[in-house]
Amino acid sequence: MKAKEFDALFESGEDIGDLLDVAKASRVNQTVKRVNVDFPLWMVEALDKQAKRLGITRQSLLKVYIAASLKDHGDTPRP
């Protein structure tokens, strides 16, 4: 299928789920850089408590908090 045909189906609201191979899907410009950060114990415990309440991991919670803070300060270089 040509891109124009696919775009037309999508734009018209057609179900395109069967046309996608989600097993091979990836996000562009999402290079990961691992960093290490030291936190005081009380802060880690507070983060863990909040993460548990939300049903997410500590790492996910930190990403959400940092992304929200960057967005609030206008620093969101996203694709």
C-alpha atoms as a PDB file:
ATOM      1  CA  MET A   1       0.000   0.000   0.000  1.00  0.00           C
ATOM      2  CA  LYS A   2       1.292   3.431  -0.873  1.00  0.00           C
ATOM      3  CA  ALA A   3       1.712   6.073   1.802  1.00  0.00           C
ATOM      4  CA  LYS A   4      -0.946   8.289   0.212  1.00  0.00           C
ATOM      5  CA  GLU A   5      -3.486   5.450   0.384  1.00  0.00           C
ATOM      6  CA  PHE A   6      -2.588   4.741   4.003  1.00  0.00           C
ATOM      7  CA  ASP A   7      -2.837   8.434   4.901  1.00  0.00           C
ATOM      8  CA  ALA A   8      -6.235   8.685   3.204  1.00  0.00           C
ATOM      9  CA  LEU A   9      -7.560   5.726   5.218  1.00  0.00           C
ATOM     10  CA  PHE A  10      -6.226   7.215   8.435  1.00  0.00           C
ATOM     11  CA  GLU A  11      -7.580  10.691   7.711  1.00  0.00           C
ATOM     12  CA  SER A  12     -11.018   9.292   6.889  1.00  0.00           C
ATOM     13  CA  GLY A  13     -11.155   7.557  10.280  1.00  0.00           C
ATOM     14  CA  GLU A  14     -10.859   4.014   8.938  1.00  0.00           C
ATOM     15  CA  ASP A  15      -9.489   1.275  11.192  1.00  0.00           C
ATOM     16  CA  ILE A  16      -5.847   0.880  10.182  1.00  0.00           C
ATOM     17  CA  GLY A  17      -4.868  -1.471  13.010  1.00  0.00           C
ATOM     18  CA  ASP A  18      -4.622  -4.513  10.746  1.00  0.00           C
ATOM     19  CA  LEU A  19      -2.267  -2.617   8.433  1.00  0.00           C
ATOM     20  CA  LEU A  20       0.328  -1.958  11.132  1.00  0.00           C
ATOM     21  CA  ASP A  21       3.073  -4.284  12.347  1.00  0.00           C
ATOM     22  CA  VAL A  22       3.264  -3.110  15.953  1.00  0.00           C
ATOM     23  CA  ALA A  23       5.897  -5.734  16.790  1.00  0.00           C
ATOM     24  CA  LYS A  24       8.371  -3.658  14.788  1.00  0.00           C
ATOM     25  CA  ALA A  25       7.173  -0.269  16.013  1.00  0.00           C
ATOM     26  CA  SER A  26       9.664   2.093  17.599  1.00  0.00           C
ATOM     27  CA  ARG A  27       9.780   5.690  18.721  1.00  0.00           C
ATOM     28  CA  VAL A  28      12.106   7.929  16.764  1.00  0.00           C
ATOM     29  CA  ASN A  29      14.554  10.283  18.449  1.00  0.00           C
ATOM     30  CA  GLN A  30      14.243   8.429  21.748  1.00  0.00           C
ATOM     31  CA  THR A  31      17.895   7.640  22.378  1.00  0.00           C
ATOM     32  CA  VAL A  32      18.347   6.645  25.995  1.00  0.00           C
ATOM     33  CA  LYS A  33      21.160   7.954  28.184  1.00  0.00           C
ATOM     34  CA  ARG A  34      21.613   6.215  31.522  1.00  0.00           C
ATOM     35  CA  VAL A  35      22.355   8.500  34.466  1.00  0.00           C
ATOM     36  CA  ASN A  36      22.990   7.841  38.135  1.00  0.00           C
ATOM     37  CA  VAL A  37      21.534  10.114  40.777  1.00  0.00           C
ATOM     38  CA  ASP A  38      22.049   9.896  44.531  1.00  0.00           C
ATOM     39  CA  PHE A  39      19.024  10.731  46.698  1.00  0.00           C
ATOM     40  CA  PRO A  40      18.715  10.863  50.474  1.00  0.00           C
ATOM     41  CA  LEU A  41      16.960   7.835  51.955  1.00  0.00           C
ATOM     42  CA  TRP A  42      13.886   9.830  53.022  1.00  0.00           C
ATOM     43  CA  MET A  43      13.416  10.978  49.418  1.00  0.00           C
ATOM     44  CA  VAL A  44      13.704   7.446  48.013  1.00  0.00           C
ATOM     45  CA  GLU A  45      11.169   6.224  50.566  1.00  0.00           C
ATOM     46  CA  ALA A  46       8.777   9.048  49.645  1.00  0.00           C
ATOM     47  CA  LEU A  47       9.215   8.299  45.935  1.00  0.00           C
ATOM     48  CA  ASP A  48       8.579   4.601  46.519  1.00  0.00           C
ATOM     49  CA  LYS A  49       5.441   5.369  48.519  1.00  0.00           C
ATOM     50  CA  GLN A  50       4.091   7.618  45.761  1.00  0.00           C
ATOM     51  CA  ALA A  51       5.046   5.138  43.021  1.00  0.00           C
ATOM     52  CA  LYS A  52       3.296   2.311  44.870  1.00  0.00           C
ATOM     53  CA  ARG A  53       0.180   4.449  45.318  1.00  0.00           C
ATOM     54  CA  LEU A  54       0.120   5.112  41.561  1.00  0.00           C
ATOM     55  CA  GLY A  55       1.016   1.526  40.643  1.00  0.00           C
ATOM     56  CA  ILE A  56       4.156   2.466  38.718  1.00  0.00           C
ATOM     57  CA  THR A  57       7.889   2.000  39.205  1.00  0.00           C
ATOM     58  CA  ARG A  58      10.130   4.534  40.900  1.00  0.00           C
ATOM     59  CA  GLN A  59      11.892   5.121  37.590  1.00  0.00           C
ATOM     60  CA  SER A  60       8.596   5.827  35.832  1.00  0.00           C
ATOM     61  CA  LEU A  61       7.581   8.224  38.590  1.00  0.00           C
ATOM     62  CA  LEU A  62      10.866  10.103  38.299  1.00  0.00           C
ATOM     63  CA  LYS A  63      10.446  10.375  34.528  1.00  0.00           C
ATOM     64  CA  VAL A  64       6.917  11.742  34.953  1.00  0.00           C
ATOM     65  CA  TYR A  65       8.050  14.278  37.574  1.00  0.00           C
ATOM     66  CA  ILE A  66      11.056  15.425  35.558  1.00  0.00           C
ATOM     67  CA  ALA A  67       9.073  15.669  32.303  1.00  0.00           C
ATOM     68  CA  ALA A  68       6.375  17.724  34.053  1.00  0.00           C
ATOM     69  CA  SER A  69       8.974  20.039  35.561  1.00  0.00           C
ATOM     70  CA  LEU A  70      10.705  20.530  32.212  1.00  0.00           C
ATOM     71  CA  LYS A  71       7.366  21.211  30.537  1.00  0.00           C
ATOM     72  CA  ASP A  72       6.468  23.774  33.218  1.00  0.00           C
ATOM     73  CA  HIS A  73       9.748  25.556  32.521  1.00  0.00           C
ATOM     74  CA  GLY A  74       9.320  25.421  28.736  1.00  0.00           C
ATOM     75  CA  ASP A  75      12.153  22.958  28.205  1.00  0.00           C
ATOM     76  CA  THR A  76      10.604  20.108  26.243  1.00  0.00           C
ATOM     77  CA  PRO A  77      12.680  19.327  23.142  1.00  0.00           C
ATOM     78  CA  ARG A  78      10.516  16.486  21.850  1.00  0.00           C
ATOM     79  CA  PRO A  79      10.156  15.091  18.335  1.00  0.00           C
END
